[in-house]
Each structure stands twice: as structure tokens, then as C-alpha cells.
């Protein structure tokens, strides 16, 4: 019988290495991608780049001058089409980013249309195309599904009104930057992760110099636990009506201050007189539109009018809107469509019908509507975020319990500013703080 010792000596280490790689691919995808996936993807990209661009229709005919040089200087009879020029290639723990300079005749939309074909050609999980400047695009390729197990980047964007909220499918952080997108609408069905999105938003805002104002007409079951960090809270439609009137009065007072100093917005004021920015968080906005009596209808019309006024003018005064609900469209009543037009940022979680997706994204990013309807029910927290530029991306929020969010609010309670105009609506924090301690943003494995 032949000696099988060499086979065992070679086979056992190989089997062990294969098992370790398989385990790393399933349980530690970042490690697997860094050690195996990235080198293989880089090699595949380098060797097949020109042919892939050609078959995907991302090449152009060379200029006459280039063709002349090829035929007369290089002495070659075949003049090949010209693909985008690779300016930079860099890898990360989640994927690979490639910067391209587009030749004359190609536009970013052409690359976007071919992104799905590029994904399959190079064997990566997704390819996102971002225009960095005129004539340049960046291919942000991810090697695996980063939304399956959410882990926020170590370096998060920061700013005076920047709140990291979720993870984008290209591995970067999705943030709410109120200076760029002052007002936003968040939609989603029950158990879609909409409340988780709000908790992560409050987590990001709690440490900033900003006043948080809440309207939760479900008797405050969601927002009352954040009372330590709220400057004002309304838990009934009557209270919401009074709070909105007070906010409009605060906005008008700020306009008088702007006129006094000849400033165009809040940030043009001197530091010593500048009032604190205000973020209004409205949970289940449909509750503000429901009416049962004639008196309720008059109150509803007044609240909607005040919300529209805030949406149209409050940005310059440093007052920003975050509107959340399950559905938001013309069926809610007059004024709903007008208010929605003021909400530039859109985040839509899993919905129960296509019409709701159209309400949230159909008017700004029609291509994203189909992406919303394909969100599975077993992946709470996955959403599609769009803006008025027509761009959109899939995002997912990290898991954060209500108790954890409440603990964060308690830790930053000393940053809660007092607004005299809203003093009547200042909530009373709970007598005892929640027991669970705050931990770093956890990963969520679904």
C-alpha cells in the first residue's frame, strides 16, 4: 500500500485553511474580503477592465488625432475604442473604489445604466456610481452585503448640524445634514424599522447644540422617554396645535432678529445673539390630519397651515422639520401635498403598497420606487433614501433599543436648551433613569 502520509500532510492544512476561509466569509466578511476578496477583485478588474467596458457600451471611438498617432507612430492598423481612464483604485474593508475620467461622449448616466452589468462582470455585491465633479465618476463597489450586518464606519462625518443615522449600501455613513437638507419625510409600515430610524436620529442629535421639539399624538408612548433631551413635547392634538403656534411665533421673533442685524439666515448672526437651532420631530403625522367634528376640522386646518409655514420659511430661522408617518398623501386632506413638497429629504422603509412608495419618492426619484417595493419583511431597518437631485441609495439603521436611546438623552440632558416661547410645553423627565447602559453602535445580524 502506498504511503499516504504526504497526502495527509498536505490535505489536512488545506482543508483547515478552506474551513477557516469559509467561516470567515460567513461570520467575518470584512476579514475575508480584506484577505481574499479584495486581491481577487482587484486582479479581475485589472485584467478585464478594457474588455468589460467595451461589451458594456462604455467606450467611445478615438479622436482623429489619437487614431493618427496609433496608425503612424505606433504603426498599428487596429484602433481600439477608448474606455474611461482609471485615475485611482483603492481598496477598503468593505469594497473597492475606482475613480474614472470619462472620455468625450460619455456621461455619468451611461455608467449608472451599466452598473448592474459591471457588478456581475467583476463579481462584487454592488456597484454605486457617484459623480465627483464634471467629467469624473467614482465606482463604489462593495464586496459583500454590508447591510446584512450593520457596522457603522469608525470615522463618522461631523458638523454643527450633522447627525449620522444609518449605513449606506456602499459602506459609507448616511447622515442628516440640516444645513444641506433642512426638512425631511420618513415613511414606513409597522415593523419596518421606522422607529429605529428615529432613535438613531435622536442618538445623533442628542450631542449637538440643538433644541429638540417633539410631537407624538400617541400620548407620547414613543417620545416621552426622551423627555430629558426635549425642550418641548406635545402628546395630544390640542397640545400639538398650541406648540405649532408657539413655534411659528418663535420663527417670527427670529425673523425680527435677522432684520435687526441685516442677516439672511441664522448662521449670519453674531455668536453672542444667535439662538439655538430647533429640530421638530413629528411622529405619525396622520394623527394631525384626522378629524371627527367640525371643531377638529378647524384645528386640523390651523395645524396644517402652521406646518406649511414652517416648511416654507423656517429654514432661515434655524427651525427644521422631521416628519414621520405610515402614509402621507392627498388622501389625508388639503394641505398634505403642499407640505410634502417642502420636505426635500425622503426616507422610505418597507411599505404595504406601491402608492405609499410613490408618495415618498415618486416625485423626486422615480427609479427608487421599485427598490422600495422589493424590501423584504425579514430585514427591518432597510430603507431607500432619496433627495431632490434624483439620486437614491439603500440604507439600514443599526439596532438601538428605546431604553438605549433614552439613556443617551439622559446623558446629554445638560445640553437641553430652554426656549421661553415653548416653556409651557417643557416635558418632565422620568423620575428614574433607564437601567441599560449605552454601548457603542452594535452590529445587527438578520
Protein backbone atom coordinates (compact mmCIF):
# COMPACT_ATOMS: atom_id res chain seq x y z
CA UNK A 1 0.00 0.00 0.00
CA UNK A 2 1.33 3.39 -0.94
CA UNK A 3 2.35 5.72 1.85
CA UNK A 4 -0.50 8.24 2.36
CA UNK A 5 1.42 10.39 4.81
CA UNK A 6 2.29 13.13 2.26
CA UNK A 7 -1.39 13.37 1.26
CA UNK A 8 -2.41 13.81 4.89
CA UNK A 9 0.31 16.38 5.47
CA UNK A 10 -0.86 18.44 2.51
CA UNK A 11 -4.58 17.76 2.62
CA UNK A 12 -5.25 18.48 6.28
CA UNK A 13 -3.73 22.01 6.23
CA UNK A 14 -5.57 22.79 3.00
CA UNK A 15 -8.87 21.56 4.45
CA UNK A 16 -8.27 23.58 7.61
CA UNK A 17 -7.48 26.70 5.61
CA UNK A 18 -10.57 26.19 3.46
CA UNK A 19 -12.75 25.76 6.52
CA UNK A 20 -11.28 28.87 8.13
CA UNK A 21 -11.93 30.91 4.98
CA UNK A 22 -15.49 29.61 4.76
CA UNK A 23 -16.12 30.53 8.38
CA UNK A 24 -14.59 33.98 7.86
CA UNK A 25 -16.73 34.57 4.76
CA UNK A 26 -19.92 33.85 6.72
CA UNK A 27 -19.10 35.30 10.14
CA UNK A 28 -16.32 37.83 9.46
CA UNK A 29 -16.91 39.14 5.93
CA UNK A 30 -14.62 42.13 6.43
CA UNK A 31 -11.69 39.84 7.21
CA UNK A 32 -12.47 37.53 4.30
CA UNK A 33 -12.84 40.45 1.89
CA UNK A 34 -9.55 42.05 3.01
CA UNK A 35 -7.57 38.79 2.75
CA UNK A 36 -9.17 37.07 -0.23
CA UNK A 37 -11.93 39.04 -1.89
CA UNK A 38 -10.09 42.31 -2.47
CA UNK A 39 -6.96 40.82 -4.12
CA UNK A 40 -9.11 38.65 -6.39
CA UNK A 41 -11.46 41.52 -7.32
CA UNK A 42 -8.52 43.86 -7.99
CA UNK A 43 -6.87 41.30 -10.27
CA UNK A 44 -10.13 40.61 -12.09
CA UNK A 45 -10.76 44.32 -12.54
CA UNK A 46 -7.25 45.00 -13.86
CA UNK A 47 -7.20 42.12 -16.34
CA UNK A 48 -10.72 42.55 -17.73
CA UNK A 49 -11.24 46.32 -17.47
CA UNK A 50 -10.95 47.25 -21.14
CA UNK A 51 -12.95 44.31 -22.48
CA UNK A 52 -15.66 44.78 -19.82
CA UNK A 53 -16.05 48.45 -20.66
CA UNK A 54 -16.26 47.58 -24.33
CA UNK A 55 -19.01 44.96 -24.01
CA UNK A 56 -20.95 47.21 -21.59
CA UNK A 57 -21.02 50.02 -24.14
CA UNK A 58 -18.81 52.34 -22.11
CA UNK A 59 -16.24 53.08 -24.80
CA UNK A 60 -16.11 55.75 -27.49
CA UNK A 61 -14.39 55.98 -30.83
CA UNK A 62 -10.95 57.59 -30.58
CA UNK A 63 -10.39 61.11 -31.83
CA UNK A 64 -8.82 61.67 -35.22
CA UNK A 65 -5.59 62.79 -33.61
CA UNK A 66 -5.39 59.65 -31.48
CA UNK A 67 -6.16 57.46 -34.49
CA UNK A 68 -3.42 59.24 -36.47
CA UNK A 69 -0.87 58.58 -33.72
CA UNK A 70 -1.81 54.92 -33.47
CA UNK A 71 -1.52 54.32 -37.21
CA UNK A 72 1.54 56.43 -37.96
CA UNK A 73 3.57 56.50 -34.72
CA UNK A 74 2.71 53.18 -33.09
CA UNK A 75 2.45 51.55 -36.55
CA UNK A 76 -0.70 49.66 -35.63
CA UNK A 77 -3.58 49.14 -38.02
CA UNK A 78 -6.25 48.43 -35.40
CA UNK A 79 -7.50 51.49 -33.49
CA UNK A 80 -9.36 50.31 -30.38
CA UNK A 81 -12.24 52.17 -28.75
CA UNK A 82 -11.36 54.34 -25.77
CA UNK A 83 -12.73 53.42 -22.29
CA UNK A 84 -12.85 55.77 -19.28
CA UNK A 85 -9.39 56.33 -17.87
CA UNK A 86 -8.69 54.86 -14.43
CA UNK A 87 -7.30 57.66 -12.27
CA UNK A 88 -7.24 55.90 -8.92
CA UNK A 89 -8.01 52.50 -7.42
CA UNK A 90 -8.13 51.94 -3.68
CA UNK A 91 -9.47 49.18 -1.51
CA UNK A 92 -11.21 49.22 1.86
CA UNK A 93 -12.52 46.70 4.37
CA UNK A 94 -15.90 46.72 2.62
CA UNK A 95 -15.12 47.09 -1.06
CA UNK A 96 -13.14 48.88 -3.73
CA UNK A 97 -13.41 52.45 -5.03
CA UNK A 98 -12.31 53.36 -8.55
CA UNK A 99 -12.10 56.92 -9.86
CA UNK A 100 -12.68 57.27 -13.61
CA UNK A 101 -12.29 60.14 -16.04
CA UNK A 102 -14.97 59.94 -18.70
CA UNK A 103 -13.98 60.47 -22.34
CA UNK A 104 -15.91 62.89 -24.52
CA UNK A 105 -19.22 61.28 -25.48
CA UNK A 106 -19.94 59.53 -22.18
CA UNK A 107 -21.92 60.88 -19.23
CA UNK A 108 -22.43 59.56 -15.69
CA UNK A 109 -25.91 58.30 -16.62
CA UNK A 110 -24.30 55.87 -19.07
CA UNK A 111 -22.19 54.35 -16.29
CA UNK A 112 -25.19 54.21 -13.95
CA UNK A 113 -27.20 52.31 -16.57
CA UNK A 114 -24.40 49.74 -16.88
CA UNK A 115 -23.73 49.35 -13.13
CA UNK A 116 -25.61 46.06 -12.85
CA UNK A 117 -23.61 44.56 -15.72
CA UNK A 118 -20.37 45.78 -14.16
CA UNK A 119 -21.36 44.16 -10.87
CA UNK A 120 -21.72 40.75 -12.46
CA UNK A 121 -18.61 41.14 -14.64
CA UNK A 122 -16.34 41.86 -11.67
CA UNK A 123 -18.07 39.57 -9.16
CA UNK A 124 -18.85 42.17 -6.50
CA UNK A 125 -22.01 42.63 -4.45
CA UNK A 126 -22.96 46.09 -5.73
CA UNK A 127 -21.65 48.97 -7.84
CA UNK A 128 -22.72 52.51 -6.97
CA UNK A 129 -21.83 55.37 -9.29
CA UNK A 130 -21.16 58.81 -7.82
CA UNK A 131 -20.33 61.90 -9.87
CA UNK A 132 -17.46 63.63 -8.07
CA UNK A 133 -17.03 66.56 -10.48
CA UNK A 134 -17.73 67.28 -14.15
CA UNK A 135 -16.16 64.54 -16.24
CA UNK A 136 -15.29 62.32 -13.28
CA UNK A 137 -17.20 59.49 -11.61
CA UNK A 138 -16.40 57.12 -8.80
CA UNK A 139 -17.33 53.45 -8.83
CA UNK A 140 -18.01 52.44 -5.23
CA UNK A 141 -18.01 48.65 -5.26
CA UNK A 142 -18.87 46.58 -2.19
CA UNK A 143 -17.55 43.07 -1.88
CA UNK A 144 -20.40 41.74 0.27
CA UNK A 145 -23.78 42.75 1.64
CA UNK A 146 -22.81 45.40 4.20
CA UNK A 147 -26.48 45.90 5.13
CA UNK A 148 -26.89 42.33 6.34
CA UNK A 149 -24.80 43.01 9.42
CA UNK A 150 -24.72 46.73 10.07
CA UNK A 151 -21.47 48.13 11.39
CA UNK A 152 -21.02 51.88 11.20
CA UNK A 153 -17.67 53.25 9.96
CA UNK A 154 -15.11 54.24 12.56
CA UNK A 155 -14.82 57.76 11.19
CA UNK A 156 -18.24 59.37 11.07
CA UNK A 157 -18.96 62.72 9.40
CA UNK A 158 -19.32 65.57 11.85
CA UNK A 159 -20.58 69.14 11.79
CA UNK A 160 -22.67 71.60 13.70
CA UNK A 161 -25.90 70.11 12.35
CA UNK A 162 -24.75 66.69 11.08
CA UNK A 163 -26.22 63.55 12.64
CA UNK A 164 -25.07 60.07 11.46
CA UNK A 165 -28.16 57.86 11.22
CA UNK A 166 -27.58 54.75 9.13
CA UNK A 167 -25.22 52.81 6.87
CA UNK A 168 -25.40 53.18 3.10
CA UNK A 169 -25.04 50.19 0.81
CA UNK A 170 -21.67 51.49 -0.40
CA UNK A 171 -20.27 51.21 3.14
CA UNK A 172 -20.36 54.93 3.97
CA UNK A 173 -22.46 56.62 6.64
CA UNK A 174 -25.85 58.13 5.82
CA UNK A 175 -26.21 61.42 7.68
CA UNK A 176 -28.85 64.06 8.21
CA UNK A 177 -27.18 67.37 7.41
CA UNK A 178 -29.77 70.02 8.19
CA UNK A 179 -27.81 72.79 6.52
CA UNK A 180 -27.97 70.93 3.20
CA UNK A 181 -31.39 69.23 3.60
CA UNK A 182 -33.39 71.21 6.17
CA UNK A 183 -36.67 69.25 6.09
CA UNK A 184 -37.31 65.53 5.58
CA UNK A 185 -40.11 62.97 5.39
CA UNK A 186 -39.79 59.40 6.70
CA UNK A 187 -42.37 56.76 5.74
CA UNK A 188 -42.76 53.09 6.60
CA UNK A 189 -45.24 50.41 7.57
CA UNK A 190 -45.49 48.87 11.02
CA UNK A 191 -42.42 46.82 11.99
CA UNK A 192 -40.43 48.28 9.07
CA UNK A 193 -37.78 49.95 11.23
CA UNK A 194 -39.16 53.49 11.16
CA UNK A 195 -38.94 53.85 14.95
CA UNK A 196 -35.38 52.52 14.86
CA UNK A 197 -34.52 55.25 12.36
CA UNK A 198 -35.95 57.90 14.70
CA UNK A 199 -33.97 56.54 17.66
CA UNK A 200 -30.72 56.67 15.73
CA UNK A 201 -31.58 60.19 14.60
CA UNK A 202 -32.13 61.24 18.23
CA UNK A 203 -28.85 59.50 19.14
CA UNK A 204 -27.04 61.65 16.59
CA UNK A 205 -28.79 64.89 17.56
CA UNK A 206 -28.53 64.48 21.34
CA UNK A 207 -24.88 65.51 21.49
CA UNK A 208 -25.28 68.58 19.26
CA UNK A 209 -26.08 72.13 20.30
CA UNK A 210 -29.68 71.96 19.14
CA UNK A 211 -33.14 72.11 20.69
CA UNK A 212 -35.30 69.03 20.09
CA UNK A 213 -39.07 69.51 19.98
CA UNK A 214 -41.40 66.51 19.75
CA UNK A 215 -44.98 65.94 18.66
CA UNK A 216 -46.24 62.45 19.45
CA UNK A 217 -50.04 62.27 19.42
CA UNK A 218 -49.96 58.63 20.52
CA UNK A 219 -49.99 60.00 24.07
CA UNK A 220 -46.23 60.21 23.91
CA UNK A 221 -45.58 56.46 24.04
CA UNK A 222 -42.52 56.86 21.77
CA UNK A 223 -41.09 60.29 22.53
CA UNK A 224 -41.90 60.74 26.23
CA UNK A 225 -38.97 58.53 27.18
CA UNK A 226 -36.68 61.13 25.55
CA UNK A 227 -38.04 63.93 27.75
CA UNK A 228 -34.64 64.64 29.32
CA UNK A 229 -33.35 65.93 25.96
CA UNK A 230 -36.56 67.55 24.66
CA UNK A 231 -37.14 71.28 25.01
CA UNK A 232 -40.86 70.81 24.30
CA UNK A 233 -43.27 67.90 23.80
CA UNK A 234 -46.91 67.67 22.70
CA UNK A 235 -48.78 64.40 23.17
CA UNK A 236 -52.34 65.33 22.10
CA UNK A 237 -53.72 67.17 19.06
CA UNK A 238 -54.70 70.12 21.24
CA UNK A 239 -51.18 70.39 22.64
CA UNK A 240 -49.75 69.97 19.15
CA UNK A 241 -51.84 72.88 17.89
CA UNK A 242 -50.60 75.15 20.68
CA UNK A 243 -46.99 74.02 20.22
CA UNK A 244 -47.07 74.71 16.48
CA UNK A 245 -48.49 78.18 17.14
CA UNK A 246 -45.66 78.81 19.61
CA UNK A 247 -43.08 77.62 17.07
CA UNK A 248 -44.45 79.96 14.42
CA UNK A 249 -44.25 82.79 16.95
CA UNK A 250 -40.63 81.82 17.69
CA UNK A 251 -39.91 81.84 13.95
CA UNK A 252 -41.36 85.34 13.56
CA UNK A 253 -39.31 86.62 16.52
CA UNK A 254 -36.18 85.22 14.89
CA UNK A 255 -37.04 86.98 11.64
CA UNK A 256 -37.22 90.26 13.58
CA UNK A 257 -33.75 89.48 14.97
CA UNK A 258 -32.43 88.79 11.47
CA UNK A 259 -33.80 92.11 10.25
CA UNK A 260 -32.22 93.90 13.19
CA UNK A 261 -28.74 92.65 12.25
CA UNK A 262 -29.25 92.62 8.49
CA UNK A 263 -28.67 88.86 8.32
CA UNK A 264 -30.15 86.46 5.79
CA UNK A 265 -30.23 83.38 8.00
CA UNK A 266 -29.46 82.17 11.50
CA UNK A 267 -25.78 81.46 10.84
CA UNK A 268 -25.08 85.02 9.68
CA UNK A 269 -25.88 86.34 13.17
CA UNK A 270 -23.12 87.09 15.70
CA UNK A 271 -22.40 84.20 18.06
CA UNK A 272 -23.49 86.12 21.15
CA UNK A 273 -27.04 86.73 19.87
CA UNK A 274 -27.59 83.65 17.71
CA UNK A 275 -30.48 81.50 19.01
CA UNK A 276 -30.13 77.75 19.19
CA UNK A 277 -31.32 75.71 16.15
CA UNK A 278 -34.56 73.77 16.59
CA UNK A 279 -35.44 70.34 15.14
CA UNK A 280 -39.15 69.47 15.22
CA UNK A 281 -39.77 65.69 15.33
CA UNK A 282 -43.33 64.75 14.34
CA UNK A 283 -44.28 61.10 14.90
CA UNK A 284 -47.29 59.72 12.95
CA UNK A 285 -48.16 62.93 11.16
CA UNK A 286 -51.51 61.44 10.02
CA UNK A 287 -52.82 61.95 13.57
CA UNK A 288 -52.65 65.70 12.98
CA UNK A 289 -54.91 65.37 9.93
CA UNK A 290 -57.66 63.17 11.40
CA UNK A 291 -60.93 64.91 12.29
CA UNK A 292 -64.14 63.76 13.96
CA UNK A 293 -66.07 67.00 14.49
CA UNK A 294 -66.32 70.46 12.99
CA UNK A 295 -64.12 71.79 15.78
CA UNK A 296 -61.48 69.18 14.99
CA UNK A 297 -61.54 70.24 11.34
CA UNK A 298 -60.82 73.87 12.24
CA UNK A 299 -57.94 72.78 14.47
CA UNK A 300 -56.61 70.49 11.75
CA UNK A 301 -56.64 73.28 9.17
CA UNK A 302 -54.78 75.56 11.55
CA UNK A 303 -52.10 72.94 12.34
CA UNK A 304 -51.56 72.13 8.69
CA UNK A 305 -51.25 75.81 7.85
CA UNK A 306 -48.67 76.29 10.57
CA UNK A 307 -46.67 73.25 9.40
CA UNK A 308 -46.68 74.57 5.84
CA UNK A 309 -45.49 77.98 7.04
CA UNK A 310 -42.65 76.32 8.95
CA UNK A 311 -41.73 74.24 5.93
CA UNK A 312 -41.67 77.24 3.63
CA UNK A 313 -39.87 79.80 5.80
CA UNK A 314 -38.37 78.28 8.95
CA UNK A 315 -35.03 77.19 7.46
CA UNK A 316 -33.63 80.72 7.54
CA UNK A 317 -34.68 80.98 11.19
CA UNK A 318 -32.91 77.73 12.09
CA UNK A 319 -36.05 75.59 12.57
CA UNK A 320 -36.05 72.22 10.80
CA UNK A 321 -38.74 69.57 10.28
CA UNK A 322 -38.59 65.78 10.59
CA UNK A 323 -41.99 64.38 9.60
CA UNK A 324 -42.69 60.65 10.08
CA UNK A 325 -45.70 58.50 9.24
CA UNK A 326 -47.03 55.35 7.62
CA UNK A 327 -48.73 57.12 4.72
CA UNK A 328 -48.61 60.71 3.59
CA UNK A 329 -50.53 61.92 0.58
CA UNK A 330 -53.53 63.82 -0.67
CA UNK A 331 -55.98 61.39 0.98
CA UNK A 332 -55.03 62.87 4.36
CA UNK A 333 -56.72 66.13 3.43
CA UNK A 334 -55.99 69.53 1.99
CA UNK A 335 -52.51 70.82 2.61
CA UNK A 336 -50.82 67.42 2.75
CA UNK A 337 -49.40 67.61 -0.78
CA UNK A 338 -48.27 71.20 -0.24
CA UNK A 339 -46.45 70.23 2.94
CA UNK A 340 -44.82 67.21 1.31
CA UNK A 341 -43.39 69.46 -1.41
CA UNK A 342 -41.39 71.31 1.27
CA UNK A 343 -39.79 68.12 2.61
CA UNK A 344 -36.67 67.71 0.48
CA UNK A 345 -35.17 64.66 2.15
CA UNK A 346 -37.04 61.38 1.79
CA UNK A 347 -36.53 58.05 3.56
CA UNK A 348 -38.97 55.24 2.79
CA UNK A 349 -38.91 51.90 4.62
CA UNK A 350 -40.89 48.81 3.68
CA UNK A 351 -44.45 49.77 2.76
CA UNK A 352 -47.69 47.88 2.26
CA UNK A 353 -48.49 49.19 -1.23
CA UNK A 354 -46.82 50.83 -4.20
CA UNK A 355 -48.88 54.00 -3.79
CA UNK A 356 -47.14 54.78 -0.50
CA UNK A 357 -43.75 54.39 -2.17
CA UNK A 358 -44.91 56.78 -4.87
CA UNK A 359 -45.91 59.29 -2.19
CA UNK A 360 -42.45 59.28 -0.71
CA UNK A 361 -40.17 59.00 -3.73
CA UNK A 362 -42.23 59.18 -6.92
CA UNK A 363 -41.94 62.95 -7.24
CA UNK A 364 -38.16 63.18 -6.67
CA UNK A 365 -36.60 59.80 -7.56
CA UNK A 366 -38.99 57.65 -9.65
CA UNK A 367 -36.35 54.95 -10.15
CA UNK A 368 -36.28 54.32 -6.40
CA UNK A 369 -39.95 53.32 -6.13
CA UNK A 370 -39.32 49.79 -7.38
CA UNK A 371 -36.42 49.40 -4.91
CA UNK A 372 -38.79 50.19 -2.02
CA UNK A 373 -41.31 47.56 -3.08
CA UNK A 374 -38.61 44.86 -3.01
CA UNK A 375 -37.54 45.40 0.63
CA UNK A 376 -38.17 42.07 2.42
CA UNK A 377 -40.13 41.90 5.66
CA UNK A 378 -37.35 40.00 7.43
CA UNK A 379 -34.92 42.92 7.13
CA UNK A 380 -36.26 45.67 9.41
CA UNK A 381 -34.37 48.94 9.21
CA UNK A 382 -33.67 48.70 5.47
CA UNK A 383 -34.90 51.78 3.63
CA UNK A 384 -34.38 53.81 0.48
CA UNK A 385 -33.15 57.38 0.92
CA UNK A 386 -33.58 59.93 -1.87
CA UNK A 387 -33.29 63.65 -2.42
CA UNK A 388 -34.43 66.28 -4.88
CA UNK A 389 -31.40 65.69 -7.11
CA UNK A 390 -32.90 62.36 -8.21
CA UNK A 391 -30.22 60.28 -6.53
CA UNK A 392 -31.08 57.48 -4.11
CA UNK A 393 -29.42 54.75 -2.10
CA UNK A 394 -30.34 51.84 0.16
CA UNK A 395 -29.60 52.33 3.84
CA UNK A 396 -30.04 50.41 7.07
CA UNK A 397 -30.05 51.67 10.64
CA UNK A 398 -28.14 49.91 13.43
CA UNK A 399 -30.20 48.26 16.14
CA UNK A 400 -30.88 50.57 19.10
CA UNK A 401 -33.39 49.88 21.84
CA UNK A 402 -35.77 52.51 23.15
CA UNK A 403 -34.10 52.22 26.54
CA UNK A 404 -30.68 52.82 24.98
CA UNK A 405 -31.93 55.95 23.21
CA UNK A 406 -33.47 57.18 26.46
CA UNK A 407 -30.18 56.65 28.27
CA UNK A 408 -28.37 58.70 25.64
CA UNK A 409 -30.89 61.52 26.10
CA UNK A 410 -30.31 61.39 29.86
CA UNK A 411 -26.54 61.59 29.39
CA UNK A 412 -26.87 64.73 27.27
CA UNK A 413 -29.66 66.32 29.31
CA UNK A 414 -27.31 69.18 30.25
CA UNK A 415 -27.33 70.28 26.57
CA UNK A 416 -31.10 70.77 26.53
CA UNK A 417 -31.71 74.48 25.95
CA UNK A 418 -34.66 76.31 27.42
CA UNK A 419 -36.81 78.22 24.92
CA UNK A 420 -39.03 80.81 26.65
CA UNK A 421 -41.63 80.67 23.88
CA UNK A 422 -42.00 76.89 24.40
CA UNK A 423 -41.65 76.82 28.19
CA UNK A 424 -45.28 75.76 28.67
CA UNK A 425 -44.58 72.53 26.76
CA UNK A 426 -41.33 71.55 28.50
CA UNK A 427 -41.72 67.86 29.47
CA UNK A 428 -40.88 66.47 32.88
CA UNK A 429 -38.17 63.77 32.67
CA UNK A 430 -38.98 60.40 34.27
CA UNK A 431 -38.10 60.08 37.93
CA UNK A 432 -35.70 57.18 37.36
CA UNK A 433 -33.27 56.75 34.54
CA UNK A 434 -33.41 53.61 32.39
CA UNK A 435 -31.26 50.78 33.67
CA UNK A 436 -29.46 49.64 30.46
CA UNK A 437 -26.13 51.31 29.81
CA UNK A 438 -25.21 52.82 26.48
CA UNK A 439 -22.87 50.80 24.33
CA UNK A 440 -21.18 51.63 21.01
CA UNK A 441 -23.31 51.23 17.90
CA UNK A 442 -23.88 47.46 17.73
CA UNK A 443 -24.00 45.25 14.69
CA UNK A 444 -27.33 43.81 13.63
CA UNK A 445 -27.27 40.39 12.04
CA UNK A 446 -30.50 39.47 10.32
